[in-house]
Amino acid sequence: MEKQWWHTKTAYQIYPKSFCDTNGDGIGDLPGIIDKLDYLKDLGIDILWLSPIYCSPLADQGYDISDYYNIDPRFGTMEDMDRLIAEAKKRDMYILMDLVVNHCSDEHAWFRKACEDPEGEYGKYFYIEDCPDGKRPCNWRSYFGGSVWEPLPGHPDKCYLHMFHKKQPDLNWENPKLREEIYTMINWWLDKGLAGFRIDAIINIKKPLPWQDYPADRADGLCSAGEVLKHADGIGAFLSEMRDRCFLPHGAFTVGEVFNEKPEELPDFIGDHGYFSSMFDFNETIFGGSGNGWYDQTPITPNDYRSCCFASQKKVGEIGMLSNIIENHDEPRGVSRYIPEGECSIPAKKLLATMNIMLRGLPFIYQGQEIGMENVEFQSIREVNDISTLDEYQVARKAGLTPDAALKAVNRLSRDNARTPFQWDASANAGFTDGTPWLPVNRNYTRINLASQKNDPDSVYQYYRRLLALRKDPRYAETVVYGDLVPVFEDQDRVMAYYRTSAAQTLLVIGNYKTEPQTLTLSSKIRKVVLNNLPQLKTEGDTITLEGYQAVILDVSSDS
C-alpha cells in the first residue's frame, strides 16, 4: 500500500443542521462551523466531512439536492463556504462535502424539464418508463418502503424510478450526457478548494437492466434493494471514469459509502489505484439485519462486535485502508448500540472508543461522539422526524406490534438519535441555538455536554483527545497508522484484544467488555502503559486483571 497524505489524519463528520446555530433560526449553519474550527483542531481533527448543505427541499435532510452549485440559505451563503475552506486551510484542515449523485431532488431543474418533455433530452437523465394501467416495470422496494416506481407528474401513463424517497428520482448513469454534467459539477467544487468528497449511496448507480422482478421477501410482493444490487454488474466503468476525470487530477480524498461490494472487488474499490481513497466499514452496522424490518433486527453483543471488526480487518488486509466508524447520521448512537443495555458508563464509552479508533484505518468521529452522546428516549412517534423511522414504525405495526412495542423497536435504530443538536453546555437548548431547535435536544443534555467535560481530565472528551493524539505521536504513529493488526484472546468471552505491530514496536490493545473483572495471562512483558481508561492497572507476574470495562493500550515490544 502506497502511503498517502491522509493516512495519518483523523476525520470528523458534521451534520450541519444540528451542529451550531449562529442566527437563532434553530438550524445549524456554516458560520457556526467556522466558529468551532479551533475546538475541532484542539480535539485532534484534520478532515471535516459536511453532510449536505446544497439547496434542497429537505425531504431526506439534504440528500435530495435541487441545486448542486449553491448553498441552501438555511446554512448560509457561498461566501460563507469559501470562508470555511479558507479558515480550515489556515489550520491545516481539509473540507469534504457530500457527493450525492445516485439521485437528485424532484425539484431540480433537470427533473422539472423531464416532466415537461419525458421524451426529450432531460427525460433521458432519469429512468422514465411507460406504465400502462399503472403496471410497474419491476417489483423492487424502495429503501424507504413501497415501490421504487412513482407516477411521473403530468403523465399518468408513465413512471420514474426512485431507489430512495419518491422526491429523490434516480439519475440515469447509463446516459453519457448526464455523467458529463456530474463530472463538471465535481470539478467545479474541487477547483474551489475542496479536499474531496464522501460519496453517498454510490453502489446504487448501476441498475441491473433490463427491468425484471426478483423473488418477493415480504407480503407486499416486493423485493429489497439489497437483492437488486446482487444482480448489478459493471459499476466499475462508471467509477473509474469518475476517478480519472475528477479525483485523480485534483489529488482528492474520497471515501465511499459502499454496501454489498463483492470481496474480489475490494482492490478495485480501495487498492492503490482504486475508485476511492477509502470506504466505510459497515460490518458492525448491518449485523443482525432482517428482511422483515428494524423490529426484527438482532441486537449486537460484545462478542459479535469483536467478530465484525476483526472480519473487516482480515478482509481488507494490506489492500488499502478502511474508514472506521462508531456512528454516523444514518445510525443510532454507538454507545447505545454497542454497549449492552444498562451498562453504558463512562469507562464503557472510553472502551468502545479505544477498540474502534485503534483499529487499522482512518477514524471518522461523528459529532457528539467525543462527549459520549446517547440515544434519545422518544415518548411518541410524533416526536420522530426521520422518514426512514416513520416507515419502519408502520412496518412494525403491520407485523402486529402494539404502538408502544413498535416505538421501542424503532427507537433503538432511529436515525434521529444521531441528529439531535450537539450538546455544547447545560444552558437552554444545550447551547446549540437561541431559537427553537429544528429537532428537540436530547433530554439528557444537562448531564452530557461539552462544557462539563472540557476541563475534566477524566471525561470522555479528554480521553478522546489523548486517544487521537497517538496517531500523531512520533513514538507510536508508525504502529498505530500502518502496523499490522493481529487479534488475540478471541476465545475469551467479552474480551476484545489485538496487537498492532510494526518493525520496531508492538502495542497490545485490550478491553474487558464486562462489568465484572477478568484476569488474563499475557505472553509478552509490559514495557509501558500507553493509555488506560481507569486510574490503575492490576498486574502480577505475567497476568493482568482488568476491571469492568477497563481498556488499556500497552507497549509490549520485545527488548531486542
Protein backbone atom coordinates (compact mmCIF):
# COMPACT_ATOMS: atom_id res chain seq x y z
CA MET A 1 0.00 0.00 0.00
CA GLU A 2 1.41 3.36 -1.05
CA LYS A 3 1.50 5.95 1.74
CA GLN A 4 -0.90 8.89 1.29
CA TRP A 5 -1.21 12.29 2.95
CA TRP A 6 -4.49 11.39 4.64
CA HIS A 7 -3.32 8.17 6.32
CA THR A 8 -2.12 9.91 9.48
CA LYS A 9 -5.20 12.12 9.81
CA THR A 10 -8.39 11.90 11.84
CA ALA A 11 -11.74 12.80 10.25
CA TYR A 12 -14.92 14.23 11.77
CA GLN A 13 -18.43 14.24 10.37
CA ILE A 14 -20.51 17.36 10.86
CA TYR A 15 -24.27 17.22 10.47
CA PRO A 16 -24.61 20.95 9.81
CA LYS A 17 -28.28 21.24 10.66
CA SER A 18 -27.56 20.12 14.23
CA PHE A 19 -24.04 21.39 14.93
CA CYS A 20 -24.07 25.09 15.81
CA ASP A 21 -26.68 27.77 15.05
CA THR A 22 -25.45 31.38 14.99
CA ASN A 23 -28.56 33.24 13.77
CA GLY A 24 -31.23 31.84 16.08
CA ASP A 25 -33.38 30.13 13.46
CA GLY A 26 -32.95 26.72 15.11
CA ILE A 27 -30.84 25.32 12.26
CA GLY A 28 -27.07 24.95 12.39
CA ASP A 29 -25.12 26.93 9.81
CA LEU A 30 -21.74 27.44 8.15
CA PRO A 31 -20.75 30.38 10.39
CA GLY A 32 -21.34 28.03 13.32
CA ILE A 33 -18.90 25.52 11.87
CA ILE A 34 -16.32 28.26 11.31
CA ASP A 35 -16.73 29.33 14.95
CA LYS A 36 -15.93 25.79 16.10
CA LEU A 37 -12.87 25.11 13.94
CA ASP A 38 -10.47 25.79 16.80
CA TYR A 39 -12.43 23.40 19.03
CA LEU A 40 -12.16 20.67 16.39
CA LYS A 41 -8.46 21.34 15.82
CA ASP A 42 -7.82 21.06 19.56
CA LEU A 43 -9.71 17.77 19.64
CA GLY A 44 -7.27 16.41 17.06
CA ILE A 45 -9.33 16.66 13.89
CA ASP A 46 -7.80 17.23 10.45
CA ILE A 47 -10.54 16.37 7.93
CA LEU A 48 -14.14 17.64 8.14
CA TRP A 49 -16.94 15.96 6.21
CA LEU A 50 -20.07 18.09 5.94
CA SER A 51 -23.37 16.34 5.37
CA PRO A 52 -25.26 18.05 2.51
CA ILE A 53 -25.58 21.83 2.56
CA TYR A 54 -26.70 22.26 -1.04
CA CYS A 55 -30.10 23.75 -1.90
CA SER A 56 -32.74 21.19 -1.02
CA PRO A 57 -36.41 20.88 -0.02
CA LEU A 58 -35.12 18.57 2.77
CA ALA A 59 -37.40 15.63 2.06
CA ASP A 60 -34.44 13.49 3.14
CA GLN A 61 -32.49 16.09 5.12
CA GLY A 62 -30.49 17.46 2.20
CA TYR A 63 -29.83 14.20 0.39
CA ASP A 64 -32.41 15.42 -2.11
CA ILE A 65 -30.46 18.15 -3.93
CA SER A 66 -32.26 20.76 -6.03
CA ASP A 67 -29.15 22.76 -6.98
CA TYR A 68 -25.63 21.30 -6.85
CA TYR A 69 -23.99 24.70 -7.36
CA ASN A 70 -25.49 26.64 -4.47
CA ILE A 71 -25.60 26.61 -0.67
CA ASP A 72 -29.04 26.32 0.88
CA PRO A 73 -29.85 29.68 2.54
CA ARG A 74 -30.70 27.79 5.75
CA PHE A 75 -26.98 27.07 6.12
CA GLY A 76 -25.52 30.32 4.82
CA THR A 77 -24.04 31.60 1.58
CA MET A 78 -21.38 30.63 -0.92
CA GLU A 79 -19.24 33.35 0.65
CA ASP A 80 -19.57 31.50 3.98
CA MET A 81 -18.47 28.30 2.25
CA ASP A 82 -15.45 29.99 0.70
CA ARG A 83 -14.55 31.41 4.12
CA LEU A 84 -14.88 27.97 5.73
CA ILE A 85 -12.49 26.46 3.19
CA ALA A 86 -10.02 29.31 3.71
CA GLU A 87 -10.21 29.22 7.52
CA ALA A 88 -9.77 25.44 7.51
CA LYS A 89 -6.72 25.76 5.29
CA LYS A 90 -5.15 28.23 7.76
CA ARG A 91 -5.38 25.48 10.38
CA ASP A 92 -4.09 22.71 8.08
CA MET A 93 -7.57 21.23 7.97
CA TYR A 94 -9.40 19.80 4.96
CA ILE A 95 -13.05 20.10 3.94
CA LEU A 96 -15.05 17.29 2.35
CA MET A 97 -18.56 17.70 1.00
CA ASP A 98 -21.17 15.02 0.50
CA LEU A 99 -21.37 13.91 -3.13
CA VAL A 100 -24.93 12.76 -3.80
CA VAL A 101 -25.19 11.67 -7.42
CA ASN A 102 -27.28 8.50 -7.41
CA HIS A 103 -30.31 10.78 -7.28
CA CYS A 104 -31.31 14.42 -7.08
CA SER A 105 -34.48 16.19 -5.94
CA ASP A 106 -37.72 16.17 -7.88
CA GLU A 107 -37.43 19.96 -7.57
CA HIS A 108 -34.14 20.01 -9.51
CA ALA A 109 -34.37 21.81 -12.88
CA TRP A 110 -33.40 18.59 -14.67
CA PHE A 111 -36.39 16.69 -13.34
CA ARG A 112 -38.80 19.55 -13.95
CA LYS A 113 -37.67 19.63 -17.58
CA ALA A 114 -38.03 15.85 -17.75
CA CYS A 115 -41.62 16.16 -16.60
CA GLU A 116 -42.28 18.78 -19.27
CA ASP A 117 -40.87 16.54 -22.01
CA PRO A 118 -40.25 12.92 -20.96
CA GLU A 119 -39.05 12.01 -24.45
CA GLY A 120 -36.62 14.93 -24.61
CA GLU A 121 -33.00 15.40 -23.54
CA TYR A 122 -33.72 15.68 -19.81
CA GLY A 123 -36.11 12.76 -19.79
CA LYS A 124 -33.05 10.65 -20.53
CA TYR A 125 -31.36 11.98 -17.37
CA PHE A 126 -33.72 9.74 -15.38
CA TYR A 127 -35.28 6.29 -15.57
CA ILE A 128 -38.71 7.04 -17.04
CA GLU A 129 -40.82 4.17 -18.33
CA ASP A 130 -44.30 3.56 -19.69
CA CYS A 131 -46.65 2.20 -17.03
CA PRO A 132 -49.88 1.27 -18.81
CA ASP A 133 -52.75 0.87 -16.37
CA GLY A 134 -50.31 1.51 -13.53
CA LYS A 135 -48.31 -1.68 -14.24
CA ARG A 136 -44.84 -1.25 -12.81
CA PRO A 137 -41.73 -2.32 -14.76
CA CYS A 138 -40.45 -4.40 -11.81
CA ASN A 139 -41.18 -5.30 -8.19
CA TRP A 140 -38.31 -3.54 -6.42
CA ARG A 141 -38.85 -1.97 -3.00
CA SER A 142 -37.51 1.46 -2.14
CA TYR A 143 -35.11 1.79 0.79
CA PHE A 144 -37.83 3.87 2.46
CA GLY A 145 -40.63 1.41 1.74
CA GLY A 146 -43.10 0.96 -1.11
CA SER A 147 -42.41 0.56 -4.81
CA VAL A 148 -39.43 2.26 -6.46
CA TRP A 149 -41.82 3.40 -9.20
CA GLU A 150 -43.89 6.57 -8.90
CA PRO A 151 -46.23 8.15 -11.47
CA LEU A 152 -44.48 10.90 -13.42
CA PRO A 153 -46.13 14.26 -12.65
CA GLY A 154 -48.36 15.26 -15.55
CA HIS A 155 -48.05 11.87 -17.22
CA PRO A 156 -50.24 9.23 -15.55
CA ASP A 157 -49.18 6.62 -18.12
CA LYS A 158 -45.50 6.99 -17.21
CA CYS A 159 -43.46 6.41 -14.03
CA TYR A 160 -39.98 7.20 -12.78
CA LEU A 161 -37.54 5.21 -10.63
CA HIS A 162 -36.55 6.24 -7.09
CA MET A 163 -34.48 3.83 -5.01
CA PHE A 164 -34.94 6.16 -2.01
CA HIS A 165 -37.72 8.71 -1.31
CA LYS A 166 -40.22 9.47 -4.07
CA LYS A 167 -38.84 13.03 -4.07
CA GLN A 168 -35.41 11.59 -4.97
CA PRO A 169 -35.57 10.44 -8.62
CA ASP A 170 -32.59 8.29 -9.61
CA LEU A 171 -30.18 9.73 -12.16
CA ASN A 172 -29.53 7.64 -15.26
CA TRP A 173 -25.81 6.96 -15.23
CA GLU A 174 -26.12 4.99 -18.46
CA ASN A 175 -26.50 8.38 -20.20
CA PRO A 176 -23.07 9.89 -21.07
CA LYS A 177 -24.53 13.43 -21.11
CA LEU A 178 -25.70 13.02 -17.51
CA ARG A 179 -22.27 11.78 -16.47
CA GLU A 180 -20.64 14.83 -18.09
CA GLU A 181 -22.92 17.12 -16.10
CA ILE A 182 -21.88 15.36 -12.90
CA TYR A 183 -18.16 15.49 -13.67
CA THR A 184 -18.35 19.20 -14.50
CA MET A 185 -20.02 19.83 -11.14
CA ILE A 186 -17.49 17.73 -9.17
CA ASN A 187 -14.53 19.52 -10.77
CA TRP A 188 -16.13 22.92 -10.11
CA TRP A 189 -16.18 22.17 -6.37
CA LEU A 190 -12.67 20.71 -6.33
CA ASP A 191 -11.38 23.82 -8.15
CA LYS A 192 -12.86 25.90 -5.29
CA GLY A 193 -10.52 24.17 -2.85
CA LEU A 194 -12.41 21.18 -1.51
CA ALA A 195 -10.13 18.35 -0.43
CA GLY A 196 -12.59 15.73 -1.68
CA PHE A 197 -15.88 14.02 -1.01
CA ARG A 198 -17.77 11.47 0.98
CA ILE A 199 -19.68 9.66 -1.74
CA ASP A 200 -23.27 8.79 -0.92
CA ALA A 201 -25.10 5.57 -1.87
CA ILE A 202 -22.79 5.17 -4.85
CA ILE A 203 -23.24 1.42 -5.25
CA ASN A 204 -26.79 2.14 -6.46
CA ILE A 205 -25.80 3.97 -9.65
CA LYS A 206 -25.61 0.71 -11.61
CA LYS A 207 -29.00 -0.94 -12.14
CA PRO A 208 -29.49 -4.49 -13.40
CA LEU A 209 -31.11 -3.90 -16.79
CA PRO A 210 -33.47 -4.70 -18.41
CA TRP A 211 -36.05 -4.38 -15.63
CA GLN A 212 -37.12 -7.65 -14.09
CA ASP A 213 -38.81 -8.98 -10.98
CA TYR A 214 -36.93 -10.78 -8.22
CA PRO A 215 -38.44 -13.06 -5.55
CA ALA A 216 -40.63 -11.13 -3.12
CA ASP A 217 -39.43 -11.13 0.51
CA ARG A 218 -42.46 -9.55 2.23
CA ALA A 219 -46.22 -9.71 1.96
CA ASP A 220 -46.17 -6.55 -0.17
CA GLY A 221 -44.90 -8.62 -3.11
CA LEU A 222 -41.74 -6.54 -3.42
CA CYS A 223 -38.05 -7.43 -3.13
CA SER A 224 -35.41 -5.50 -1.22
CA ALA A 225 -32.94 -3.09 -2.77
CA GLY A 226 -30.17 -5.28 -1.36
CA GLU A 227 -31.39 -8.15 -3.52
CA VAL A 228 -31.42 -5.88 -6.57
CA LEU A 229 -27.79 -4.87 -6.00
CA LYS A 230 -26.69 -8.51 -6.14
CA HIS A 231 -27.65 -8.59 -9.80
CA ALA A 232 -25.99 -5.32 -10.88
CA ASP A 233 -22.68 -5.76 -12.73
CA GLY A 234 -20.38 -3.25 -14.39
CA ILE A 235 -20.31 -0.36 -11.93
CA GLY A 236 -16.53 -0.18 -12.33
CA ALA A 237 -16.82 1.51 -15.72
CA PHE A 238 -18.66 4.46 -14.13
CA LEU A 239 -16.50 4.68 -11.03
CA SER A 240 -13.16 4.50 -12.84
CA GLU A 241 -14.31 7.18 -15.27
CA MET A 242 -15.32 9.48 -12.40
CA ARG A 243 -11.98 8.83 -10.64
CA ASP A 244 -9.95 9.58 -13.77
CA ARG A 245 -11.95 12.64 -14.82
CA CYS A 246 -12.29 14.25 -11.38
CA PHE A 247 -10.48 12.80 -8.38
CA LEU A 248 -7.03 11.91 -9.74
CA PRO A 249 -6.33 15.27 -11.44
CA HIS A 250 -7.05 17.06 -8.15
CA GLY A 251 -5.38 14.57 -5.79
CA ALA A 252 -8.72 14.44 -4.00
CA PHE A 253 -9.50 12.27 -0.99
CA THR A 254 -12.67 10.22 -1.44
CA VAL A 255 -14.46 7.86 0.91
CA GLY A 256 -17.26 5.74 -0.44
CA GLU A 257 -20.49 4.69 1.22
CA VAL A 258 -20.30 1.19 -0.20
CA PHE A 259 -22.61 -1.67 0.71
CA ASN A 260 -22.88 -5.09 -0.92
CA GLU A 261 -19.44 -4.98 -2.52
CA LYS A 262 -18.08 -8.31 -3.64
CA PRO A 263 -14.87 -9.39 -1.79
CA GLU A 264 -12.96 -9.87 -5.02
CA GLU A 265 -13.74 -6.24 -5.94
CA LEU A 266 -12.06 -4.67 -2.89
CA PRO A 267 -8.77 -3.90 -4.69
CA ASP A 268 -10.82 -2.15 -7.39
CA PHE A 269 -12.54 -0.01 -4.78
CA ILE A 270 -9.71 0.93 -2.38
CA GLY A 271 -6.48 -0.54 -3.72
CA ASP A 272 -3.58 1.73 -4.71
CA HIS A 273 -5.40 2.53 -7.95
CA GLY A 274 -8.93 2.12 -6.60
CA TYR A 275 -12.02 4.10 -7.43
CA PHE A 276 -11.87 5.72 -3.98
CA SER A 277 -9.20 6.53 -1.41
CA SER A 278 -11.14 4.63 1.26
CA MET A 279 -14.56 3.20 2.09
CA PHE A 280 -16.50 2.94 5.31
CA ASP A 281 -16.63 -0.29 7.30
CA PHE A 282 -20.31 -1.04 7.87
CA ASN A 283 -19.83 -4.61 9.07
CA GLU A 284 -20.98 -3.77 12.59
CA THR A 285 -23.91 -1.58 11.50
CA ILE A 286 -25.50 -4.24 9.28
CA PHE A 287 -25.10 -7.05 11.82
CA GLY A 288 -28.34 -8.80 12.73
CA GLY A 289 -30.35 -7.15 9.96
CA SER A 290 -33.64 -8.72 8.98
CA GLY A 291 -35.60 -8.59 5.77
CA ASN A 292 -38.69 -8.13 7.92
CA GLY A 293 -37.59 -4.70 9.15
CA TRP A 294 -35.93 -2.97 12.08
CA TYR A 295 -38.29 -4.50 14.62
CA ASP A 296 -36.82 -7.92 13.84
CA GLN A 297 -33.14 -6.94 13.89
CA THR A 298 -30.97 -8.93 16.30
CA PRO A 299 -29.11 -6.71 18.83
CA ILE A 300 -25.34 -6.94 18.54
CA THR A 301 -23.41 -8.40 21.51
CA PRO A 302 -19.86 -7.51 22.57
CA ASN A 303 -18.60 -10.78 21.05
CA ASP A 304 -20.47 -10.02 17.83
CA TYR A 305 -18.95 -6.55 17.70
CA ARG A 306 -15.47 -8.01 18.12
CA SER A 307 -16.07 -10.57 15.36
CA CYS A 308 -17.41 -7.93 12.97
CA CYS A 309 -14.39 -5.65 13.46
CA PHE A 310 -11.88 -8.45 13.03
CA ALA A 311 -13.67 -9.83 9.94
CA SER A 312 -13.40 -6.44 8.23
CA GLN A 313 -9.74 -6.08 9.13
CA LYS A 314 -8.98 -9.54 7.78
CA LYS A 315 -10.95 -8.95 4.58
CA VAL A 316 -9.12 -5.73 3.73
CA GLY A 317 -5.65 -6.79 4.91
CA GLU A 318 -2.98 -4.89 3.00
CA ILE A 319 -5.26 -3.94 0.11
CA GLY A 320 -5.97 -0.46 1.43
CA MET A 321 -7.25 1.49 4.40
CA LEU A 322 -10.81 1.38 5.70
CA SER A 323 -12.59 4.32 7.30
CA ASN A 324 -13.81 3.16 10.71
CA ILE A 325 -16.94 4.50 12.39
CA ILE A 326 -18.83 4.01 15.62
CA GLU A 327 -21.81 6.03 14.39
CA ASN A 328 -22.92 8.47 11.71
CA HIS A 329 -26.01 10.44 10.65
CA ASP A 330 -27.72 7.26 9.40
CA GLU A 331 -27.12 5.20 12.54
CA PRO A 332 -28.08 5.37 16.22
CA ARG A 333 -25.53 6.46 18.81
CA GLY A 334 -22.81 3.84 19.10
CA VAL A 335 -22.64 3.84 22.90
CA SER A 336 -26.34 2.93 22.98
CA ARG A 337 -25.89 0.23 20.34
CA TYR A 338 -22.59 -1.49 21.06
CA ILE A 339 -22.71 -1.34 24.87
CA PRO A 340 -25.34 -3.68 26.35
CA GLU A 341 -28.40 -2.04 27.87
CA GLY A 342 -27.81 -0.97 31.45
CA GLU A 343 -24.00 -0.94 31.11
CA CYS A 344 -23.45 2.42 29.40
CA SER A 345 -20.95 4.04 31.77
CA ILE A 346 -18.10 6.49 31.21
CA PRO A 347 -15.48 3.68 31.25
CA ALA A 348 -17.63 1.72 28.77
CA LYS A 349 -17.76 4.71 26.40
CA LYS A 350 -13.98 5.02 26.61
CA LEU A 351 -13.55 1.29 25.97
CA LEU A 352 -15.64 1.48 22.80
CA ALA A 353 -13.59 4.46 21.61
CA THR A 354 -10.34 2.60 22.25
CA MET A 355 -11.41 -0.58 20.48
CA ASN A 356 -12.58 1.28 17.37
CA ILE A 357 -10.05 4.06 16.97
CA MET A 358 -7.03 1.79 17.45
CA LEU A 359 -8.15 -0.43 14.57
CA ARG A 360 -6.13 -0.14 11.38
CA GLY A 361 -7.78 2.53 9.26
CA LEU A 362 -8.88 6.14 9.21
CA PRO A 363 -11.04 7.08 12.23
CA PHE A 364 -14.20 9.05 11.46
CA ILE A 365 -15.64 10.70 14.57
CA TYR A 366 -19.29 11.75 14.35
CA GLN A 367 -20.29 14.99 16.06
CA GLY A 368 -21.10 14.40 19.73
CA GLN A 369 -19.40 11.01 19.79
CA GLU A 370 -16.42 12.61 21.50
CA ILE A 371 -18.58 13.56 24.51
CA GLY A 372 -20.45 10.26 24.61
CA MET A 373 -23.84 11.44 23.36
CA GLU A 374 -26.53 8.76 23.70
CA ASN A 375 -29.77 7.70 22.02
CA VAL A 376 -32.98 9.63 22.58
CA GLU A 377 -35.92 8.18 24.50
CA PHE A 378 -38.79 9.10 22.18
CA GLN A 379 -42.10 9.22 24.07
CA SER A 380 -44.26 9.18 20.95
CA ILE A 381 -43.85 8.52 17.23
CA ARG A 382 -45.00 12.15 16.80
CA GLU A 383 -41.59 13.22 18.13
CA VAL A 384 -39.83 11.48 15.24
CA ASN A 385 -38.74 13.44 12.16
CA ASP A 386 -36.81 10.83 10.17
CA ILE A 387 -38.72 9.40 7.20
CA SER A 388 -36.99 6.04 7.46
CA THR A 389 -38.02 5.64 11.11
CA LEU A 390 -41.61 6.59 10.31
CA ASP A 391 -41.71 3.90 7.61
CA GLU A 392 -40.17 1.26 9.89
CA TYR A 393 -42.73 2.10 12.58
CA GLN A 394 -45.52 1.31 10.14
CA VAL A 395 -43.75 -1.91 9.12
CA ALA A 396 -43.64 -2.95 12.78
CA ARG A 397 -47.30 -2.08 13.33
CA LYS A 398 -48.34 -4.08 10.26
CA ALA A 399 -46.35 -7.01 11.66
CA GLY A 400 -48.61 -6.97 14.71
CA LEU A 401 -46.61 -4.95 17.23
CA THR A 402 -48.51 -2.65 19.59
CA PRO A 403 -47.83 1.10 19.26
CA ASP A 404 -45.59 1.00 22.35
CA ALA A 405 -43.68 -2.06 21.15
CA ALA A 406 -43.28 -0.62 17.65
CA LEU A 407 -41.97 2.66 19.05
CA LYS A 408 -39.46 0.84 21.25
CA ALA A 409 -38.32 -1.25 18.28
CA VAL A 410 -37.64 1.74 16.05
CA ASN A 411 -36.22 3.91 18.84
CA ARG A 412 -33.23 1.61 19.02
CA LEU A 413 -32.20 2.26 15.41
CA SER A 414 -33.75 5.63 14.55
CA ARG A 415 -31.56 7.99 12.57
CA ASP A 416 -32.90 10.86 14.68
CA ASN A 417 -30.81 9.52 17.57
CA ALA A 418 -27.71 10.98 15.93
CA ARG A 419 -29.41 14.05 14.50
CA THR A 420 -30.41 15.82 17.70
CA PRO A 421 -28.43 19.04 18.30
CA PHE A 422 -24.87 18.94 19.62
CA GLN A 423 -24.83 19.34 23.38
CA TRP A 424 -22.42 22.22 23.95
CA ASP A 425 -23.43 23.11 27.51
CA ALA A 426 -26.23 22.89 30.11
CA SER A 427 -27.96 26.14 29.12
CA ALA A 428 -31.26 26.25 27.22
CA ASN A 429 -31.23 24.06 24.09
CA ALA A 430 -27.78 22.77 25.11
CA GLY A 431 -26.18 25.96 23.78
CA PHE A 432 -26.99 24.92 20.21
CA THR A 433 -29.35 27.81 19.41
CA ASP A 434 -31.04 30.88 20.88
CA GLY A 435 -34.18 29.93 18.98
CA THR A 436 -36.29 26.79 18.78
CA PRO A 437 -34.20 23.83 17.55
CA TRP A 438 -35.48 22.09 14.41
CA LEU A 439 -35.26 18.79 16.32
CA PRO A 440 -35.60 18.73 20.11
CA VAL A 441 -32.40 18.43 22.13
CA ASN A 442 -31.86 15.11 23.90
CA ARG A 443 -33.31 15.43 27.40
CA ASN A 444 -30.02 14.28 28.95
CA TYR A 445 -28.10 17.39 27.81
CA THR A 446 -27.70 18.80 31.32
CA ARG A 447 -25.80 15.64 32.24
CA ILE A 448 -23.91 15.09 28.96
CA ASN A 449 -22.39 18.21 27.41
CA LEU A 450 -19.03 19.54 26.30
CA ALA A 451 -18.74 22.34 28.89
CA SER A 452 -18.90 19.86 31.76
CA GLN A 453 -16.18 17.71 30.17
CA LYS A 454 -13.83 20.27 28.63
CA ASN A 455 -11.65 20.74 31.72
CA ASP A 456 -12.26 17.38 33.38
CA PRO A 457 -9.19 15.15 32.83
CA ASP A 458 -11.30 12.03 33.40
CA SER A 459 -14.02 12.93 30.89
CA VAL A 460 -14.91 11.10 27.71
CA TYR A 461 -13.89 14.21 25.75
CA GLN A 462 -10.39 14.38 27.24
CA TYR A 463 -9.94 10.65 26.70
CA TYR A 464 -10.75 11.10 23.01
CA ARG A 465 -8.13 13.84 22.79
CA ARG A 466 -5.47 11.56 24.25
CA LEU A 467 -6.54 8.66 22.06
CA LEU A 468 -6.48 10.66 18.83
CA ALA A 469 -3.10 12.18 19.73
CA LEU A 470 -1.49 8.74 19.38
CA ARG A 471 -1.90 8.95 15.59
CA LYS A 472 0.45 11.94 15.56
CA ASP A 473 2.77 10.99 18.42
CA PRO A 474 6.15 10.17 16.81
CA ARG A 475 6.65 7.40 19.39
CA TYR A 476 3.58 5.49 18.20
CA ALA A 477 2.34 6.89 14.89
CA GLU A 478 4.01 4.34 12.61
CA THR A 479 2.49 1.44 14.55
CA VAL A 480 -0.95 3.00 15.05
CA VAL A 481 -1.32 4.08 11.43
CA TYR A 482 0.47 1.38 9.47
CA GLY A 483 1.07 -1.51 11.86
CA ASP A 484 -0.43 -4.93 11.25
CA LEU A 485 -3.46 -5.96 13.30
CA VAL A 486 -3.36 -9.39 14.94
CA PRO A 487 -6.37 -10.49 17.05
CA VAL A 488 -5.72 -12.23 20.37
CA PHE A 489 -7.88 -13.72 23.17
CA GLU A 490 -10.66 -14.35 20.65
CA ASP A 491 -11.94 -17.29 22.72
CA GLN A 492 -12.26 -15.20 25.88
CA ASP A 493 -15.86 -14.15 26.47
CA ARG A 494 -16.36 -10.40 26.15
CA VAL A 495 -12.70 -9.55 25.79
CA MET A 496 -11.66 -7.60 22.71
CA ALA A 497 -7.92 -7.53 22.17
CA TYR A 498 -5.47 -7.19 19.32
CA TYR A 499 -1.83 -6.43 18.64
CA ARG A 500 -0.74 -3.53 16.45
CA THR A 501 2.74 -4.40 15.23
CA SER A 502 5.39 -2.58 13.24
CA ALA A 503 9.04 -3.44 12.64
CA ALA A 504 10.19 -1.72 15.84
CA GLN A 505 7.15 -1.88 18.11
CA THR A 506 4.25 -3.98 19.35
CA LEU A 507 1.21 -2.47 21.04
CA LEU A 508 -1.45 -4.58 22.75
CA VAL A 509 -4.93 -3.05 22.72
CA ILE A 510 -7.13 -4.89 25.19
CA GLY A 511 -10.51 -4.28 26.76
CA ASN A 512 -12.76 -6.08 29.22
CA TYR A 513 -16.25 -5.83 27.72
CA LYS A 514 -17.86 -6.96 31.01
CA THR A 515 -18.96 -5.24 34.20
CA GLU A 516 -17.01 -7.84 36.25
CA PRO A 517 -13.18 -8.08 36.41
CA GLN A 518 -11.34 -10.53 34.13
CA THR A 519 -7.82 -11.87 34.61
CA LEU A 520 -5.70 -12.66 31.56
CA THR A 521 -2.27 -14.16 31.06
CA LEU A 522 -0.05 -12.23 28.68
CA SER A 523 2.64 -13.78 26.51
CA SER A 524 4.69 -10.58 26.48
CA LYS A 525 6.15 -8.34 29.15
CA ILE A 526 4.57 -4.93 29.63
CA ARG A 527 7.10 -2.24 28.93
CA LYS A 528 4.76 0.71 29.32
CA VAL A 529 1.09 1.56 29.79
CA VAL A 530 0.44 3.91 26.86
CA LEU A 531 -3.20 4.66 27.67
CA ASN A 532 -5.61 3.47 30.36
CA ASN A 533 -9.28 4.41 30.76
CA LEU A 534 -9.08 3.79 34.54
CA PRO A 535 -6.59 5.18 37.10
CA GLN A 536 -4.71 1.91 37.68
CA LEU A 537 -3.90 -1.46 36.12
CA LYS A 538 -3.55 -4.55 38.28
CA THR A 539 -0.62 -6.73 37.24
CA GLU A 540 1.06 -9.74 38.84
CA GLY A 541 3.80 -11.60 37.04
CA ASP A 542 2.56 -12.30 33.53
CA THR A 543 -1.12 -11.70 34.38
CA ILE A 544 -3.26 -8.60 34.32
CA THR A 545 -6.66 -8.10 35.90
CA LEU A 546 -8.92 -5.74 34.04
CA GLU A 547 -11.75 -4.12 35.98
CA GLY A 548 -15.21 -3.90 34.43
CA TYR A 549 -15.00 -2.06 31.11
CA GLN A 550 -11.33 -1.31 31.56
CA ALA A 551 -9.39 -0.70 28.33
CA VAL A 552 -5.64 -0.32 28.06
CA ILE A 553 -3.05 0.17 25.36
CA LEU A 554 0.21 -1.50 26.34
CA ASP A 555 3.64 -1.31 24.79
CA VAL A 556 4.80 -4.94 24.79
CA SER A 557 7.69 -4.56 22.35
CA SER A 558 10.50 -7.07 22.77
CA ASP A 559 13.75 -5.77 24.26
CA SER A 560 15.59 -6.67 21.10
